Amino acid sequence: VWNGEDPHRSKINKLAFEKWTELLNRGAKIAATYGRDWHQTETTKQVAALYLYLPEQATLHDIKRAIKNGHSYISMGPKINMYANEHCISGDTISLSEQESIMLDLEITEYNDSYTIVLDSNIGAIYRHECTGAINKKIKVENTFGRQHLTWLRLLIYSSRKELIAFTNPIYIDV
């Protein structure tokens, strides 16, 4: 979904992100990744990284599985820990009844500037909050909005310049 230096400013990356969102809305469970061609190590541009949720003594198999399953997020700075209902991470599927809600535990660290967090979903942005520095918060997310049910949920982080600087792979929701 993102590639190269200054990925948040690339028109091609914006189009890829929009296509990924479209595929998610059609029901595809497809993991986003980030890559960069390392022809030179020194750059004045911003680069991102793909961060994986891994067990303590991760094996190569664990790494491959985390990438394939979307147990990851992409960031140009902020570190993200996000769990739904205490144990589900990006790429997982949660099963809920129509009346159940989702409790998100969200921790963002290693970013001192102001930023905006947005919970994005198949029905659009459902939560927005302005932040500065590290945060640790719980967010209750209702499963239904009018007649629409959530089918996926992901976190987006925007800089104070309103540029996308980090995002998670979705948590999928089965009702």
N, C-alpha and C. Protein backbone atom coordinates (compact mmCIF):
# COMPACT_ATOMS: atom_id res chain seq x y z
N VAL A 1 0.83 -1.19 0.00
CA VAL A 1 0.00 0.00 0.00
C VAL A 1 0.87 1.25 0.00
N TRP A 2 1.96 1.22 0.75
CA TRP A 2 2.92 2.33 0.73
C TRP A 2 4.25 1.81 0.21
N ASN A 3 4.95 2.68 -0.53
CA ASN A 3 6.25 2.31 -1.07
C ASN A 3 7.11 3.56 -1.15
N GLY A 4 8.39 3.39 -0.92
CA GLY A 4 9.36 4.45 -1.14
C GLY A 4 9.49 5.46 -0.02
N GLU A 5 10.26 6.51 -0.32
CA GLU A 5 10.48 7.60 0.62
C GLU A 5 9.32 8.59 0.53
N ASP A 6 9.07 9.31 1.63
CA ASP A 6 7.92 10.23 1.70
C ASP A 6 6.63 9.54 1.22
N PRO A 7 6.33 8.35 1.74
CA PRO A 7 5.18 7.60 1.21
C PRO A 7 3.85 8.33 1.40
N HIS A 8 3.77 9.15 2.41
CA HIS A 8 2.53 9.88 2.71
C HIS A 8 2.25 11.01 1.72
N ARG A 9 3.23 11.35 0.90
CA ARG A 9 3.07 12.43 -0.08
C ARG A 9 2.97 11.93 -1.51
N SER A 10 3.06 10.65 -1.70
CA SER A 10 3.05 10.05 -3.04
C SER A 10 1.62 9.86 -3.55
N LYS A 11 1.34 10.35 -4.75
CA LYS A 11 0.02 10.17 -5.36
C LYS A 11 -0.26 8.70 -5.63
N ILE A 12 0.77 7.97 -6.03
CA ILE A 12 0.60 6.53 -6.30
C ILE A 12 0.22 5.80 -5.01
N ASN A 13 0.87 6.16 -3.90
CA ASN A 13 0.54 5.53 -2.63
C ASN A 13 -0.87 5.88 -2.18
N LYS A 14 -1.29 7.13 -2.41
CA LYS A 14 -2.67 7.52 -2.05
C LYS A 14 -3.67 6.70 -2.85
N LEU A 15 -3.39 6.49 -4.14
CA LEU A 15 -4.27 5.66 -4.97
C LEU A 15 -4.28 4.21 -4.49
N ALA A 16 -3.11 3.69 -4.11
CA ALA A 16 -3.02 2.32 -3.61
C ALA A 16 -3.81 2.17 -2.30
N PHE A 17 -3.72 3.18 -1.43
CA PHE A 17 -4.46 3.16 -0.16
C PHE A 17 -5.96 3.17 -0.43
N GLU A 18 -6.40 3.98 -1.37
CA GLU A 18 -7.82 4.04 -1.74
C GLU A 18 -8.29 2.70 -2.32
N LYS A 19 -7.46 2.08 -3.16
CA LYS A 19 -7.81 0.78 -3.74
C LYS A 19 -7.90 -0.29 -2.65
N TRP A 20 -6.97 -0.24 -1.69
CA TRP A 20 -6.99 -1.18 -0.56
C TRP A 20 -8.31 -1.01 0.21
N THR A 21 -8.70 0.23 0.48
CA THR A 21 -9.94 0.50 1.20
C THR A 21 -11.13 -0.04 0.42
N GLU A 22 -11.13 0.16 -0.88
CA GLU A 22 -12.20 -0.35 -1.73
C GLU A 22 -12.28 -1.88 -1.64
N LEU A 23 -11.14 -2.55 -1.67
CA LEU A 23 -11.12 -4.01 -1.56
C LEU A 23 -11.64 -4.47 -0.20
N LEU A 24 -11.25 -3.76 0.88
CA LEU A 24 -11.76 -4.09 2.21
C LEU A 24 -13.28 -3.96 2.25
N ASN A 25 -13.79 -2.90 1.63
CA ASN A 25 -15.24 -2.68 1.61
C ASN A 25 -15.98 -3.74 0.81
N ARG A 26 -15.30 -4.39 -0.12
CA ARG A 26 -15.90 -5.49 -0.89
C ARG A 26 -15.80 -6.83 -0.16
N GLY A 27 -15.16 -6.84 1.01
CA GLY A 27 -15.06 -8.06 1.79
C GLY A 27 -13.72 -8.76 1.74
N ALA A 28 -12.76 -8.22 1.00
CA ALA A 28 -11.43 -8.83 0.95
C ALA A 28 -10.72 -8.64 2.28
N LYS A 29 -10.02 -9.66 2.70
CA LYS A 29 -9.19 -9.57 3.90
C LYS A 29 -7.75 -9.59 3.41
N ILE A 30 -7.26 -8.40 3.09
CA ILE A 30 -5.95 -8.27 2.47
C ILE A 30 -5.07 -7.36 3.34
N ALA A 31 -3.88 -7.83 3.65
CA ALA A 31 -2.97 -7.10 4.53
C ALA A 31 -2.19 -6.05 3.75
N ALA A 32 -2.06 -4.88 4.35
CA ALA A 32 -1.23 -3.81 3.77
C ALA A 32 0.20 -3.99 4.25
N THR A 33 1.15 -3.67 3.37
CA THR A 33 2.56 -3.69 3.74
C THR A 33 3.22 -2.42 3.23
N TYR A 34 4.48 -2.26 3.61
CA TYR A 34 5.29 -1.12 3.19
C TYR A 34 6.62 -1.66 2.69
N GLY A 35 7.17 -1.03 1.67
CA GLY A 35 8.48 -1.42 1.17
C GLY A 35 9.24 -0.21 0.68
N ARG A 36 10.53 -0.39 0.57
CA ARG A 36 11.38 0.68 0.06
C ARG A 36 12.55 0.04 -0.67
N ASP A 37 12.89 0.60 -1.80
CA ASP A 37 14.07 0.18 -2.54
C ASP A 37 15.29 0.84 -1.90
N TRP A 38 16.20 0.05 -1.39
CA TRP A 38 17.34 0.59 -0.65
C TRP A 38 18.57 0.76 -1.55
N HIS A 39 18.48 1.63 -2.55
CA HIS A 39 19.63 1.90 -3.40
C HIS A 39 20.66 2.77 -2.68
N GLN A 40 20.17 3.55 -1.73
CA GLN A 40 21.07 4.35 -0.90
C GLN A 40 20.51 4.41 0.51
N THR A 41 21.41 4.42 1.49
CA THR A 41 20.95 4.40 2.88
C THR A 41 20.70 5.80 3.43
N GLU A 42 21.37 6.80 2.92
CA GLU A 42 21.19 8.17 3.39
C GLU A 42 20.09 8.85 2.61
N THR A 43 19.19 9.52 3.31
CA THR A 43 18.11 10.24 2.66
C THR A 43 17.68 11.41 3.53
N THR A 44 17.18 12.44 2.91
CA THR A 44 16.63 13.57 3.65
C THR A 44 15.11 13.47 3.72
N LYS A 45 14.57 12.45 3.06
CA LYS A 45 13.13 12.25 3.03
C LYS A 45 12.70 11.33 4.17
N GLN A 46 11.40 11.30 4.44
CA GLN A 46 10.88 10.44 5.49
C GLN A 46 10.66 9.03 4.95
N VAL A 47 10.93 8.06 5.79
CA VAL A 47 10.66 6.67 5.46
C VAL A 47 9.73 6.09 6.52
N ALA A 48 9.05 5.05 6.16
CA ALA A 48 8.16 4.37 7.09
C ALA A 48 8.75 3.00 7.41
N ALA A 49 8.08 2.28 8.28
CA ALA A 49 8.49 0.92 8.62
C ALA A 49 7.23 0.08 8.82
N LEU A 50 7.37 -1.20 8.52
CA LEU A 50 6.32 -2.16 8.80
C LEU A 50 6.65 -2.79 10.15
N TYR A 51 5.77 -2.60 11.12
CA TYR A 51 5.95 -3.16 12.46
C TYR A 51 5.06 -4.37 12.60
N LEU A 52 5.60 -5.45 13.14
CA LEU A 52 4.86 -6.71 13.29
C LEU A 52 4.57 -6.99 14.75
N TYR A 53 3.39 -7.55 15.01
CA TYR A 53 3.06 -8.08 16.34
C TYR A 53 3.58 -9.51 16.36
N LEU A 54 4.62 -9.76 17.18
CA LEU A 54 5.28 -11.07 17.19
C LEU A 54 5.42 -11.60 18.61
N PRO A 55 5.50 -12.93 18.76
CA PRO A 55 5.80 -13.50 20.08
C PRO A 55 7.25 -13.19 20.48
N GLU A 56 7.55 -13.37 21.74
CA GLU A 56 8.90 -13.04 22.28
C GLU A 56 10.04 -13.68 21.48
N GLN A 57 10.02 -14.96 21.29
CA GLN A 57 11.09 -15.67 20.58
C GLN A 57 10.61 -16.01 19.16
N ALA A 58 10.38 -14.98 18.36
CA ALA A 58 9.79 -15.15 17.03
C ALA A 58 10.72 -15.93 16.10
N THR A 59 10.10 -16.82 15.35
CA THR A 59 10.82 -17.59 14.34
C THR A 59 10.53 -16.97 12.97
N LEU A 60 11.23 -17.43 11.96
CA LEU A 60 10.96 -16.98 10.60
C LEU A 60 9.52 -17.30 10.21
N HIS A 61 9.02 -18.44 10.65
CA HIS A 61 7.63 -18.82 10.39
C HIS A 61 6.67 -17.80 11.03
N ASP A 62 6.95 -17.39 12.26
CA ASP A 62 6.12 -16.38 12.95
C ASP A 62 6.11 -15.06 12.18
N ILE A 63 7.26 -14.67 11.66
CA ILE A 63 7.37 -13.41 10.91
C ILE A 63 6.55 -13.48 9.62
N LYS A 64 6.70 -14.57 8.88
CA LYS A 64 5.95 -14.74 7.64
C LYS A 64 4.44 -14.76 7.90
N ARG A 65 4.04 -15.47 8.96
CA ARG A 65 2.62 -15.56 9.30
C ARG A 65 2.07 -14.19 9.70
N ALA A 66 2.84 -13.40 10.46
CA ALA A 66 2.39 -12.06 10.87
C ALA A 66 2.17 -11.16 9.66
N ILE A 67 3.09 -11.21 8.70
CA ILE A 67 2.93 -10.40 7.48
C ILE A 67 1.71 -10.84 6.70
N LYS A 68 1.57 -12.15 6.48
CA LYS A 68 0.44 -12.69 5.71
C LYS A 68 -0.89 -12.36 6.37
N ASN A 69 -0.97 -12.48 7.69
CA ASN A 69 -2.24 -12.28 8.41
C ASN A 69 -2.53 -10.82 8.75
N GLY A 70 -1.62 -9.92 8.43
CA GLY A 70 -1.85 -8.51 8.72
C GLY A 70 -1.70 -8.16 10.18
N HIS A 71 -0.94 -8.95 10.92
CA HIS A 71 -0.66 -8.64 12.32
C HIS A 71 0.45 -7.59 12.36
N SER A 72 0.10 -6.40 11.84
CA SER A 72 1.12 -5.37 11.64
C SER A 72 0.50 -4.00 11.49
N TYR A 73 1.38 -3.01 11.51
CA TYR A 73 0.98 -1.65 11.19
C TYR A 73 2.15 -0.96 10.50
N ILE A 74 1.85 0.15 9.84
CA ILE A 74 2.85 0.91 9.11
C ILE A 74 2.93 2.29 9.74
N SER A 75 4.17 2.74 10.01
CA SER A 75 4.31 4.02 10.72
C SER A 75 5.57 4.74 10.30
N MET A 76 5.45 6.07 10.33
CA MET A 76 6.61 6.95 10.13
C MET A 76 6.99 7.60 11.47
N GLY A 77 6.81 6.89 12.54
CA GLY A 77 7.21 7.42 13.85
C GLY A 77 6.45 6.84 15.02
N PRO A 78 5.14 7.08 15.10
CA PRO A 78 4.40 6.60 16.27
C PRO A 78 4.42 5.08 16.39
N LYS A 79 4.59 4.61 17.61
CA LYS A 79 4.48 3.18 17.90
C LYS A 79 3.06 2.93 18.39
N ILE A 80 2.44 1.86 17.90
CA ILE A 80 1.03 1.59 18.17
C ILE A 80 0.87 0.22 18.81
N ASN A 81 0.11 0.19 19.90
CA ASN A 81 -0.39 -1.06 20.46
C ASN A 81 -1.90 -0.91 20.49
N MET A 82 -2.60 -1.76 19.76
CA MET A 82 -4.05 -1.69 19.71
C MET A 82 -4.61 -3.10 19.83
N TYR A 83 -5.48 -3.28 20.83
CA TYR A 83 -6.13 -4.56 21.06
C TYR A 83 -7.63 -4.35 21.13
N ALA A 84 -8.37 -5.23 20.51
CA ALA A 84 -9.83 -5.21 20.60
C ALA A 84 -10.26 -6.33 21.53
N ASN A 85 -11.12 -5.99 22.47
CA ASN A 85 -11.63 -6.95 23.45
C ASN A 85 -10.49 -7.74 24.10
N GLU A 86 -9.44 -7.05 24.43
CA GLU A 86 -8.28 -7.50 25.21
C GLU A 86 -7.31 -8.43 24.49
N HIS A 87 -7.69 -9.02 23.37
CA HIS A 87 -6.75 -9.97 22.77
C HIS A 87 -6.64 -9.91 21.25
N CYS A 88 -7.59 -9.31 20.55
CA CYS A 88 -7.54 -9.28 19.08
C CYS A 88 -6.65 -8.14 18.60
N ILE A 89 -5.79 -8.44 17.64
CA ILE A 89 -4.89 -7.45 17.06
C ILE A 89 -5.22 -7.28 15.58
N SER A 90 -4.55 -6.35 14.95
CA SER A 90 -4.72 -6.12 13.51
C SER A 90 -4.62 -7.45 12.76
N GLY A 91 -5.54 -7.65 11.84
CA GLY A 91 -5.56 -8.88 11.04
C GLY A 91 -6.45 -9.96 11.61
N ASP A 92 -6.80 -9.87 12.90
CA ASP A 92 -7.68 -10.86 13.52
C ASP A 92 -9.13 -10.58 13.16
N THR A 93 -9.97 -11.59 13.38
CA THR A 93 -11.41 -11.46 13.20
C THR A 93 -12.10 -11.65 14.54
N ILE A 94 -13.00 -10.73 14.83
CA ILE A 94 -13.79 -10.76 16.07
C ILE A 94 -15.20 -11.19 15.70
N SER A 95 -15.81 -12.07 16.47
CA SER A 95 -17.20 -12.46 16.26
C SER A 95 -18.04 -11.81 17.34
N LEU A 96 -19.10 -11.10 16.92
CA LEU A 96 -19.95 -10.37 17.85
C LEU A 96 -21.42 -10.62 17.53
N SER A 97 -22.25 -10.48 18.55
CA SER A 97 -23.69 -10.43 18.30
C SER A 97 -24.02 -8.98 17.93
N GLU A 98 -25.21 -8.76 17.44
CA GLU A 98 -25.60 -7.40 17.02
C GLU A 98 -25.54 -6.40 18.15
N GLN A 99 -25.80 -6.84 19.39
CA GLN A 99 -25.85 -5.92 20.52
C GLN A 99 -24.49 -5.67 21.16
N GLU A 100 -23.51 -6.49 20.85
CA GLU A 100 -22.21 -6.34 21.49
C GLU A 100 -21.43 -5.16 20.93
N SER A 101 -20.57 -4.60 21.77
CA SER A 101 -19.68 -3.53 21.34
C SER A 101 -18.25 -4.04 21.42
N ILE A 102 -17.35 -3.24 20.91
CA ILE A 102 -15.92 -3.57 20.92
C ILE A 102 -15.23 -2.60 21.86
N MET A 103 -14.38 -3.12 22.75
CA MET A 103 -13.59 -2.26 23.60
C MET A 103 -12.15 -2.27 23.06
N LEU A 104 -11.73 -1.11 22.58
CA LEU A 104 -10.37 -0.96 22.05
C LEU A 104 -9.46 -0.41 23.13
N ASP A 105 -8.34 -1.07 23.32
CA ASP A 105 -7.26 -0.55 24.16
C ASP A 105 -6.22 -0.02 23.21
N LEU A 106 -5.95 1.27 23.31
CA LEU A 106 -5.05 1.94 22.37
C LEU A 106 -3.93 2.64 23.12
N GLU A 107 -2.70 2.33 22.71
CA GLU A 107 -1.53 2.99 23.27
C GLU A 107 -0.67 3.48 22.11
N ILE A 108 -0.33 4.77 22.15
CA ILE A 108 0.56 5.35 21.14
C ILE A 108 1.73 5.97 21.88
N THR A 109 2.93 5.60 21.47
CA THR A 109 4.15 6.09 22.12
C THR A 109 5.15 6.55 21.07
N GLU A 110 6.23 7.11 21.54
CA GLU A 110 7.38 7.53 20.73
C GLU A 110 7.02 8.55 19.66
N TYR A 111 6.07 9.43 20.01
CA TYR A 111 5.73 10.53 19.11
C TYR A 111 5.33 11.71 19.98
N ASN A 112 6.06 12.80 19.90
CA ASN A 112 5.85 13.92 20.81
C ASN A 112 5.06 15.08 20.21
N ASP A 113 4.89 15.10 18.90
CA ASP A 113 4.14 16.19 18.27
C ASP A 113 2.64 15.98 18.44
N SER A 114 1.87 16.97 18.03
CA SER A 114 0.42 16.80 18.05
C SER A 114 0.00 15.98 16.83
N TYR A 115 -1.09 15.26 16.97
CA TYR A 115 -1.58 14.39 15.90
C TYR A 115 -3.05 14.12 16.14
N THR A 116 -3.68 13.54 15.16
CA THR A 116 -5.10 13.16 15.26
C THR A 116 -5.22 11.67 15.01
N ILE A 117 -5.95 10.98 15.89
CA ILE A 117 -6.25 9.57 15.65
C ILE A 117 -7.66 9.48 15.10
N VAL A 118 -7.83 8.58 14.15
CA VAL A 118 -9.12 8.35 13.52
C VAL A 118 -9.36 6.84 13.49
N LEU A 119 -10.51 6.41 13.99
CA LEU A 119 -10.92 5.03 13.79
C LEU A 119 -11.73 5.01 12.50
N ASP A 120 -11.19 4.32 11.53
CA ASP A 120 -11.78 4.23 10.20
C ASP A 120 -12.43 2.87 10.08
N SER A 121 -13.47 2.78 9.25
CA SER A 121 -14.19 1.52 9.10
C SER A 121 -14.85 1.45 7.73
N ASN A 122 -15.55 0.37 7.49
CA ASN A 122 -16.28 0.21 6.24
C ASN A 122 -17.38 1.27 6.09
N ILE A 123 -17.78 1.92 7.17
CA ILE A 123 -18.80 2.97 7.05
C ILE A 123 -18.19 4.36 7.24
N GLY A 124 -16.87 4.45 7.17
CA GLY A 124 -16.19 5.73 7.29
C GLY A 124 -15.60 5.94 8.68
N ALA A 125 -15.20 7.16 8.95
CA ALA A 125 -14.59 7.50 10.24
C ALA A 125 -15.67 7.47 11.32
N ILE A 126 -15.40 6.72 12.39
CA ILE A 126 -16.39 6.61 13.47
C ILE A 126 -15.91 7.22 14.78
N TYR A 127 -14.64 7.65 14.82
CA TYR A 127 -14.09 8.27 16.02
C TYR A 127 -12.89 9.11 15.61
N ARG A 128 -12.77 10.27 16.22
CA ARG A 128 -11.65 11.17 15.93
C ARG A 128 -11.25 11.84 17.24
N HIS A 129 -9.92 11.94 17.48
CA HIS A 129 -9.45 12.57 18.72
C HIS A 129 -8.10 13.24 18.47
N GLU A 130 -7.97 14.49 18.91
CA GLU A 130 -6.71 15.23 18.81
C GLU A 130 -5.84 14.86 20.00
N CYS A 131 -4.55 14.61 19.77
CA CYS A 131 -3.64 14.17 20.82
C CYS A 131 -2.31 14.91 20.72
N THR A 132 -1.56 14.88 21.81
CA THR A 132 -0.17 15.34 21.81
C THR A 132 0.61 14.37 22.69
N GLY A 133 1.72 13.87 22.17
CA GLY A 133 2.55 12.95 22.94
C GLY A 133 1.90 11.58 23.09
N ALA A 134 2.43 10.83 24.03
CA ALA A 134 1.95 9.46 24.26
C ALA A 134 0.53 9.47 24.81
N ILE A 135 -0.24 8.48 24.40
CA ILE A 135 -1.59 8.30 24.96
C ILE A 135 -1.81 6.84 25.29
N ASN A 136 -2.73 6.63 26.20
CA ASN A 136 -3.17 5.29 26.57
C ASN A 136 -4.65 5.43 26.89
N LYS A 137 -5.50 4.93 26.02
CA LYS A 137 -6.93 5.14 26.23
C LYS A 137 -7.74 3.94 25.81
N LYS A 138 -8.94 3.88 26.38
CA LYS A 138 -9.93 2.86 26.03
C LYS A 138 -11.02 3.55 25.23
N ILE A 139 -11.45 2.91 24.15
CA ILE A 139 -12.49 3.47 23.30
C ILE A 139 -13.55 2.39 23.09
N LYS A 140 -14.78 2.72 23.44
CA LYS A 140 -15.88 1.79 23.22
C LYS A 140 -16.46 2.07 21.83
N VAL A 141 -16.54 1.02 21.03
CA VAL A 141 -17.03 1.14 19.66
C VAL A 141 -18.29 0.30 19.53
N GLU A 142 -19.38 0.96 19.19
CA GLU A 142 -20.63 0.24 18.96
C GLU A 142 -20.53 -0.54 17.65
N ASN A 143 -21.19 -1.66 17.60
CA ASN A 143 -21.12 -2.55 16.45
C ASN A 143 -22.02 -2.09 15.30
N THR A 144 -23.06 -1.35 15.62
CA THR A 144 -23.99 -0.92 14.58
C THR A 144 -24.12 0.60 14.57
N PHE A 145 -24.28 1.13 13.39
CA PHE A 145 -24.51 2.55 13.18
C PHE A 145 -25.73 2.66 12.29
N GLY A 146 -26.89 2.88 12.92
CA GLY A 146 -28.13 2.83 12.15
C GLY A 146 -28.36 1.39 11.72
N ARG A 147 -28.49 1.19 10.44
CA ARG A 147 -28.70 -0.17 9.91
C ARG A 147 -27.40 -0.84 9.50
N GLN A 148 -26.31 -0.12 9.53
CA GLN A 148 -25.04 -0.68 9.05
C GLN A 148 -24.24 -1.30 10.20
N HIS A 149 -23.66 -2.45 9.91
CA HIS A 149 -22.77 -3.13 10.84
C HIS A 149 -21.34 -2.89 10.42
N LEU A 150 -20.45 -2.85 11.39
CA LEU A 150 -19.03 -2.77 11.07
C LEU A 150 -18.58 -4.12 10.53
N THR A 151 -17.76 -4.08 9.49
CA THR A 151 -17.14 -5.31 8.98
C THR A 151 -15.63 -5.27 9.15
N TRP A 152 -15.08 -4.06 9.30
CA TRP A 152 -13.66 -3.91 9.59
C TRP A 152 -13.44 -2.56 10.27
N LEU A 153 -12.31 -2.49 11.00
CA LEU A 153 -11.97 -1.31 11.78
C LEU A 153 -10.45 -1.17 11.80
N ARG A 154 -9.94 0.02 11.50
CA ARG A 154 -8.49 0.25 11.54
C ARG A 154 -8.22 1.63 12.13
N LEU A 155 -7.00 1.83 12.60
CA LEU A 155 -6.57 3.11 13.16
C LEU A 155 -5.74 3.86 12.14
N LEU A 156 -6.04 5.15 11.97
CA LEU A 156 -5.25 6.05 11.14
C LEU A 156 -4.69 7.13 12.05
N ILE A 157 -3.45 7.55 11.82
CA ILE A 157 -2.86 8.66 12.57
C ILE A 157 -2.40 9.72 11.57
N TYR A 158 -2.88 10.95 11.80
CA TYR A 158 -2.54 12.08 10.94
C TYR A 158 -1.67 13.07 11.72
N SER A 159 -0.66 13.62 11.06
CA SER A 159 0.20 14.63 11.67
C SER A 159 -0.57 15.94 11.83
N SER A 160 0.04 16.90 12.49
CA SER A 160 -0.58 18.22 12.64
C SER A 160 -0.76 18.90 11.29
N ARG A 161 -0.02 18.43 10.26
CA ARG A 161 -0.17 18.95 8.90
C ARG A 161 -1.20 18.17 8.09
N LYS A 162 -1.95 17.32 8.82
CA LYS A 162 -3.03 16.51 8.23
C LYS A 162 -2.53 15.50 7.21
N GLU A 163 -1.29 15.02 7.40
CA GLU A 163 -0.73 13.98 6.54
C GLU A 163 -0.82 12.64 7.27
N LEU A 164 -1.23 11.60 6.56
CA LEU A 164 -1.30 10.27 7.14
C LEU A 164 0.12 9.80 7.45
N ILE A 165 0.40 9.49 8.72
CA ILE A 165 1.75 9.09 9.11
C ILE A 165 1.81 7.68 9.68
N ALA A 166 0.66 7.07 9.96
CA ALA A 166 0.64 5.70 10.46
C ALA A 166 -0.76 5.12 10.29
N PHE A 167 -0.81 3.80 10.11
CA PHE A 167 -2.10 3.12 10.06
C PHE A 167 -1.91 1.64 10.35
N THR A 168 -2.97 1.06 10.91
CA THR A 168 -2.95 -0.37 11.20
C THR A 168 -3.66 -1.13 10.10
N ASN A 169 -3.38 -2.40 10.04
CA ASN A 169 -4.23 -3.28 9.25
C ASN A 169 -5.56 -3.41 10.00
N PRO A 170 -6.63 -3.76 9.32
CA PRO A 170 -7.93 -3.83 9.99
C PRO A 170 -8.06 -4.98 10.97
N ILE A 171 -8.95 -4.79 11.93
CA ILE A 171 -9.52 -5.87 12.70
C ILE A 171 -10.86 -6.13 12.01
N TYR A 172 -11.11 -7.38 11.64
CA TYR A 172 -12.33 -7.74 10.91
C TYR A 172 -13.41 -8.13 11.91
N ILE A 173 -14.67 -7.87 11.54
CA ILE A 173 -15.78 -8.10 12.45
C ILE A 173 -16.83 -8.96 11.76
N ASP A 174 -17.15 -10.10 12.37
CA ASP A 174 -18.24 -10.96 11.92
C ASP A 174 -19.40 -10.80 12.88
N VAL A 175 -20.58 -10.53 12.35
CA VAL A 175 -21.78 -10.39 13.18
C VAL A 175 -22.62 -11.64 13.03
